[in-house]
């Protein structure tokens, strides 16, 4: 609080803090319940009799560990490819002298308003021979038109003097991009990288539509399978997963969420600046 605030302003600010604190607590309580339930063997009421049986079970199944590896693989590779492709395309479109620039931008904007639909998308993936391939989880959504436009606007705001001086020193376009433009846009790349990563990590529909081999399932698809098994099915060794009940479901949610939660704090400071810097010129 500022010392020059009036009494009414102080009361208003305190009420804001209390209200926002209560809202934050309400949004945080479900996460606490999920974590507590994942360690509980009794879910008839408030979780009790805490143990690690659910975590021992999911990590003892080869399927879960393999699916976790698949999700990590496609998230790391897919995010890198998405950032690379988006940056290259945004840098090219930032040049006003680029032939056909306005037509290309029109096509980009068109994809934000209209999409091909499920059946055309499936046939495109099929004709590219990506059915039952992990590429089907990375290539179809490789570039976000929204992120591309923001990044292009930021690249356009980079002082032309820097680029021209680098070219006068003999720097190639790739060198200019790597040595000058990208270092200046690290906050945007960090923010968009996390957005891409979360989108790929949480993929479910594309996986069930394009992936036929269970060994290639990402963790989100396996999560659904475990939820079904925990409702009365059998595990890998024939044991009843229903014995673990809700704790297995909650444990899988916790484990599948941890990687993104670990990355988030390191990139949080870049969010506001990175997501908006492209919309401000100068």
Protein backbone atom coordinates (compact mmCIF):
# COMPACT_ATOMS: atom_id res chain seq x y z
CA UNK A 1 0.00 0.00 0.00
CA UNK A 2 1.06 3.59 -0.67
CA UNK A 3 1.34 6.02 2.26
CA UNK A 4 -0.65 8.72 0.44
CA UNK A 5 -3.74 6.53 0.02
CA UNK A 6 -6.99 7.64 1.59
CA UNK A 7 -8.81 5.47 4.13
CA UNK A 8 -11.41 4.47 1.53
CA UNK A 9 -8.72 3.46 -0.96
CA UNK A 10 -7.00 1.33 1.69
CA UNK A 11 -10.28 -0.44 2.51
CA UNK A 12 -10.96 -1.01 -1.19
CA UNK A 13 -7.46 -2.44 -1.73
CA UNK A 14 -7.75 -4.72 1.29
CA UNK A 15 -11.10 -6.00 0.02
CA UNK A 16 -9.47 -6.69 -3.35
CA UNK A 17 -6.70 -8.68 -1.67
CA UNK A 18 -9.19 -10.70 0.36
CA UNK A 19 -11.43 -11.38 -2.63
CA UNK A 20 -8.56 -12.39 -4.91
CA UNK A 21 -7.11 -14.54 -2.14
CA UNK A 22 -10.41 -16.39 -1.73
CA UNK A 23 -10.72 -16.90 -5.49
CA UNK A 24 -7.14 -18.17 -5.61
CA UNK A 25 -7.86 -20.55 -2.73
CA UNK A 26 -10.97 -21.90 -4.46
CA UNK A 27 -8.99 -22.63 -7.63
CA UNK A 28 -6.17 -24.24 -5.64
CA UNK A 29 -8.32 -26.56 -3.49
CA UNK A 30 -9.12 -29.03 -6.31
CA UNK A 31 -5.38 -29.53 -6.90
CA UNK A 32 -4.86 -30.18 -3.20
CA UNK A 33 -7.69 -32.72 -3.21
CA UNK A 34 -6.24 -34.50 -6.25
CA UNK A 35 -2.80 -34.77 -4.62
CA UNK A 36 -4.19 -35.97 -1.27
CA UNK A 37 -6.48 -38.51 -2.95
CA UNK A 38 -3.59 -39.90 -5.00
CA UNK A 39 -1.88 -40.94 -1.74
CA UNK A 40 -5.04 -42.33 -0.15
CA UNK A 41 -6.36 -45.85 -0.02
CA UNK A 42 -9.78 -44.77 1.24
CA UNK A 43 -11.89 -42.45 -0.91
CA UNK A 44 -15.27 -43.11 0.68
CA UNK A 45 -15.14 -39.70 2.31
CA UNK A 46 -12.21 -37.41 3.03
CA UNK A 47 -9.06 -39.29 1.93
CA UNK A 48 -7.26 -41.18 4.66
CA UNK A 49 -4.91 -44.14 5.22
CA UNK A 50 -2.17 -42.64 3.07
CA UNK A 51 0.24 -44.83 1.08
CA UNK A 52 2.13 -44.95 -2.22
CA UNK A 53 0.31 -47.94 -3.71
CA UNK A 54 -1.19 -45.97 -6.60
CA UNK A 55 2.19 -44.52 -7.60
CA UNK A 56 3.84 -47.93 -7.25
CA UNK A 57 1.21 -49.37 -9.56
CA UNK A 58 1.41 -46.82 -12.36
CA UNK A 59 5.21 -46.82 -12.37
CA UNK A 60 5.30 -50.62 -12.32
CA UNK A 61 3.37 -50.78 -15.59
CA UNK A 62 5.55 -50.60 -18.68
CA UNK A 63 2.67 -49.00 -20.58
CA UNK A 64 2.60 -45.88 -18.42
CA UNK A 65 6.36 -45.36 -18.44
CA UNK A 66 6.41 -45.83 -22.22
CA UNK A 67 3.51 -43.40 -22.75
CA UNK A 68 5.21 -40.84 -20.52
CA UNK A 69 8.32 -41.17 -22.68
CA UNK A 70 6.23 -40.70 -25.83
CA UNK A 71 4.68 -37.51 -24.44
CA UNK A 72 8.06 -36.11 -23.42
CA UNK A 73 9.51 -36.95 -26.84
CA UNK A 74 6.74 -35.38 -28.94
CA UNK A 75 6.58 -32.35 -26.61
CA UNK A 76 10.29 -31.57 -26.84
CA UNK A 77 10.63 -32.25 -30.57
CA UNK A 78 7.25 -30.75 -31.50
CA UNK A 79 7.88 -27.56 -29.53
CA UNK A 80 11.33 -27.13 -31.10
CA UNK A 81 9.94 -27.65 -34.60
CA UNK A 82 6.99 -25.32 -33.97
CA UNK A 83 9.23 -22.52 -32.67
CA UNK A 84 11.69 -22.98 -35.53
CA UNK A 85 8.99 -22.98 -38.21
CA UNK A 86 7.07 -20.09 -36.66
CA UNK A 87 10.22 -17.97 -36.29
CA UNK A 88 11.39 -18.62 -39.85
CA UNK A 89 7.98 -17.84 -41.33
CA UNK A 90 7.46 -14.77 -39.14
CA UNK A 91 10.91 -13.43 -40.06
CA UNK A 92 10.19 -13.87 -43.77
CA UNK A 93 6.80 -12.19 -43.52
CA UNK A 94 8.29 -9.27 -41.57
CA UNK A 95 9.91 -8.07 -44.80
CA UNK A 96 7.56 -5.67 -46.56
CA UNK A 97 9.43 -6.26 -49.83
CA UNK A 98 8.62 -9.99 -49.80
CA UNK A 99 6.76 -10.89 -53.06
CA UNK A 100 3.24 -12.10 -52.32
CA UNK A 101 3.48 -11.10 -48.66
CA UNK A 102 -0.09 -9.79 -48.44
CA UNK A 103 -1.50 -12.94 -50.08
CA UNK A 104 0.39 -15.20 -47.70
CA UNK A 105 -0.83 -13.18 -44.72
CA UNK A 106 -4.38 -13.47 -46.04
CA UNK A 107 -4.01 -17.25 -46.09
CA UNK A 108 -2.65 -17.19 -42.54
CA UNK A 109 -5.58 -15.08 -41.33
CA UNK A 110 -7.99 -17.38 -43.19
CA UNK A 111 -6.83 -20.34 -41.11
CA UNK A 112 -7.70 -18.43 -37.92
CA UNK A 113 -11.31 -18.03 -39.07
CA UNK A 114 -11.93 -21.29 -40.94
CA UNK A 115 -10.59 -24.80 -40.50
CA UNK A 116 -10.70 -27.75 -42.84
CA UNK A 117 -12.67 -29.98 -40.53
CA UNK A 118 -12.16 -33.49 -39.22
CA UNK A 119 -12.49 -35.56 -42.41
CA UNK A 120 -10.27 -33.37 -44.65
CA UNK A 121 -7.65 -33.25 -41.89
CA UNK A 122 -7.69 -37.03 -41.59
CA UNK A 123 -7.24 -37.47 -45.35
CA UNK A 124 -4.36 -34.97 -45.41
CA UNK A 125 -2.60 -36.86 -42.62
CA UNK A 126 -3.30 -40.15 -44.39
CA UNK A 127 -1.94 -38.94 -47.74
CA UNK A 128 1.21 -37.74 -45.97
CA UNK A 129 1.63 -41.30 -44.61
CA UNK A 130 1.52 -40.14 -41.00
CA UNK A 131 -1.25 -42.44 -39.76
CA UNK A 132 0.01 -44.37 -36.72
CA UNK A 133 3.10 -42.15 -36.68
CA UNK A 134 4.17 -39.75 -33.94
CA UNK A 135 4.59 -37.09 -36.64
CA UNK A 136 0.78 -36.95 -36.77
CA UNK A 137 0.87 -35.46 -33.27
CA UNK A 138 3.33 -32.72 -34.24
CA UNK A 139 3.00 -31.73 -37.90
CA UNK A 140 -0.75 -30.90 -38.32
CA UNK A 141 -0.62 -28.16 -35.67
CA UNK A 142 2.98 -27.15 -36.26
CA UNK A 143 2.34 -23.39 -36.61
CA UNK A 144 -0.18 -21.26 -34.74
CA UNK A 145 -1.43 -18.40 -36.90
CA UNK A 146 -1.95 -16.22 -33.81
CA UNK A 147 1.61 -16.68 -32.52
CA UNK A 148 2.94 -16.20 -36.04
CA UNK A 149 1.24 -12.83 -36.44
CA UNK A 150 2.45 -11.57 -33.05
CA UNK A 151 6.01 -12.72 -33.73
CA UNK A 152 5.95 -11.19 -37.20
CA UNK A 153 4.85 -7.84 -35.77
CA UNK A 154 7.70 -7.94 -33.27
CA UNK A 155 10.25 -8.81 -35.96
CA UNK A 156 8.94 -5.87 -37.98
CA UNK A 157 9.65 -3.56 -35.02
CA UNK A 158 13.33 -4.54 -34.80
CA UNK A 159 15.38 -1.45 -35.82
CA UNK A 160 16.30 -1.74 -39.49
CA UNK A 161 19.64 -0.09 -38.73
CA UNK A 162 20.75 -3.18 -36.80
CA UNK A 163 19.85 -5.50 -39.66
CA UNK A 164 21.34 -3.28 -42.35
CA UNK A 165 24.60 -2.82 -40.46
CA UNK A 166 24.90 -6.58 -40.01
CA UNK A 167 24.33 -7.14 -43.72
CA UNK A 168 26.94 -4.52 -44.57
CA UNK A 169 29.39 -6.56 -42.49
CA UNK A 170 28.60 -9.57 -44.69
CA UNK A 171 26.05 -11.31 -42.47
CA UNK A 172 23.65 -13.69 -44.20
CA UNK A 173 19.90 -13.60 -43.47
CA UNK A 174 20.21 -16.71 -41.27
CA UNK A 175 23.04 -15.05 -39.32
CA UNK A 176 20.94 -11.90 -38.85
CA UNK A 177 18.05 -14.02 -37.58
CA UNK A 178 20.20 -16.08 -35.19
CA UNK A 179 22.54 -13.36 -33.92
CA UNK A 180 20.27 -10.28 -33.82
CA UNK A 181 16.55 -10.94 -34.19
CA UNK A 182 16.07 -14.09 -32.11
CA UNK A 183 18.09 -12.87 -29.08
CA UNK A 184 15.89 -9.77 -28.98
CA UNK A 185 12.74 -11.90 -29.06
CA UNK A 186 13.63 -14.49 -26.39
CA UNK A 187 10.71 -13.50 -24.10
CA UNK A 188 8.22 -14.12 -26.92
CA UNK A 189 9.88 -17.39 -27.89
CA UNK A 190 9.85 -18.57 -24.28
CA UNK A 191 6.16 -17.74 -23.83
CA UNK A 192 5.06 -19.24 -27.15
CA UNK A 193 7.29 -22.24 -26.55
CA UNK A 194 5.42 -23.02 -23.34
CA UNK A 195 2.06 -22.54 -25.08
CA UNK A 196 3.12 -24.94 -27.82
CA UNK A 197 4.46 -27.42 -25.26
CA UNK A 198 1.25 -27.42 -23.20
CA UNK A 199 -0.82 -27.92 -26.36
CA UNK A 200 1.27 -30.88 -27.51
CA UNK A 201 1.49 -32.41 -24.04
CA UNK A 202 -2.29 -32.30 -23.61
CA UNK A 203 -3.07 -33.82 -27.01
CA UNK A 204 -5.82 -36.41 -26.81
CA UNK A 205 -8.17 -36.25 -29.79
CA UNK A 206 -5.44 -36.33 -32.46
CA UNK A 207 -3.86 -39.29 -30.72
CA UNK A 208 -7.01 -41.41 -30.66
CA UNK A 209 -7.76 -40.40 -34.26
CA UNK A 210 -4.34 -40.99 -35.82
CA UNK A 211 -2.51 -43.45 -33.54
CA UNK A 212 -3.54 -47.12 -33.76
CA UNK A 213 -0.67 -48.77 -31.86
CA UNK A 214 -1.03 -48.66 -28.05
CA UNK A 215 2.77 -48.49 -27.70
CA UNK A 216 2.65 -45.04 -29.33
CA UNK A 217 -0.07 -43.60 -27.12
CA UNK A 218 0.84 -40.37 -25.32
CA UNK A 219 0.14 -40.16 -21.62
CA UNK A 220 -3.19 -38.36 -22.02
CA UNK A 221 -4.67 -41.29 -23.97
CA UNK A 222 -3.34 -43.76 -21.45
CA UNK A 223 -4.87 -41.63 -18.69
CA UNK A 224 -8.27 -42.28 -20.21
CA UNK A 225 -7.52 -46.00 -20.41
CA UNK A 226 -6.45 -46.12 -16.78
CA UNK A 227 -9.63 -44.30 -15.76
CA UNK A 228 -11.62 -47.02 -17.54
CA UNK A 229 -9.53 -49.78 -15.97
CA UNK A 230 -9.80 -48.23 -12.53
CA UNK A 231 -13.56 -48.42 -12.89
CA UNK A 232 -13.39 -52.22 -12.90
CA UNK A 233 -10.94 -53.45 -15.52
CA UNK A 234 -7.78 -55.50 -15.23
CA UNK A 235 -4.19 -54.28 -15.14
CA UNK A 236 -1.22 -55.56 -17.08
CA UNK A 237 -0.70 -58.52 -14.76
CA UNK A 238 -4.40 -59.36 -14.49
CA UNK A 239 -4.84 -57.64 -11.14
CA UNK A 240 -7.93 -55.54 -10.60
CA UNK A 241 -7.15 -51.87 -10.96
CA UNK A 242 -10.44 -51.08 -9.28
CA UNK A 243 -8.72 -52.12 -6.05
CA UNK A 244 -6.81 -48.84 -6.21
CA UNK A 245 -9.94 -46.88 -7.10
CA UNK A 246 -9.75 -43.11 -7.33
CA UNK A 247 -6.16 -43.00 -6.10
CA UNK A 248 -4.87 -44.40 -9.43
CA UNK A 249 -6.78 -41.81 -11.43
CA UNK A 250 -5.52 -38.97 -9.26
CA UNK A 251 -1.95 -40.30 -9.24
CA UNK A 252 -1.87 -40.38 -13.04
CA UNK A 253 -3.20 -36.81 -13.16
CA UNK A 254 -0.47 -35.68 -10.76
CA UNK A 255 2.33 -37.43 -12.65
CA UNK A 256 1.12 -36.23 -16.05
CA UNK A 257 0.87 -32.64 -14.80
CA UNK A 258 4.21 -32.41 -12.98
CA UNK A 259 6.43 -31.86 -16.08
CA UNK A 260 4.50 -28.77 -17.19
CA UNK A 261 4.32 -27.47 -13.61
CA UNK A 262 8.10 -27.78 -13.34
CA UNK A 263 8.67 -25.78 -16.54
CA UNK A 264 6.09 -23.09 -15.82
CA UNK A 265 7.88 -21.16 -13.01
CA UNK A 266 11.02 -20.75 -15.13
CA UNK A 267 9.06 -19.14 -17.97
CA UNK A 268 6.37 -17.28 -16.02
CA UNK A 269 8.26 -13.97 -16.03
CA UNK A 270 8.24 -13.98 -19.84
CA UNK A 271 4.47 -14.41 -20.26
CA UNK A 272 3.11 -10.87 -20.14
CA UNK A 273 6.10 -9.34 -21.87
CA UNK A 274 6.50 -12.10 -24.44
CA UNK A 275 2.87 -12.38 -25.43
CA UNK A 276 2.33 -8.63 -25.83
CA UNK A 277 5.65 -7.22 -27.00
CA UNK A 278 4.83 -7.97 -30.61
CA UNK A 279 1.72 -5.79 -30.45
CA UNK A 280 3.65 -2.68 -29.34
CA UNK A 281 5.76 -0.85 -31.87
CA UNK A 282 8.95 1.02 -31.11
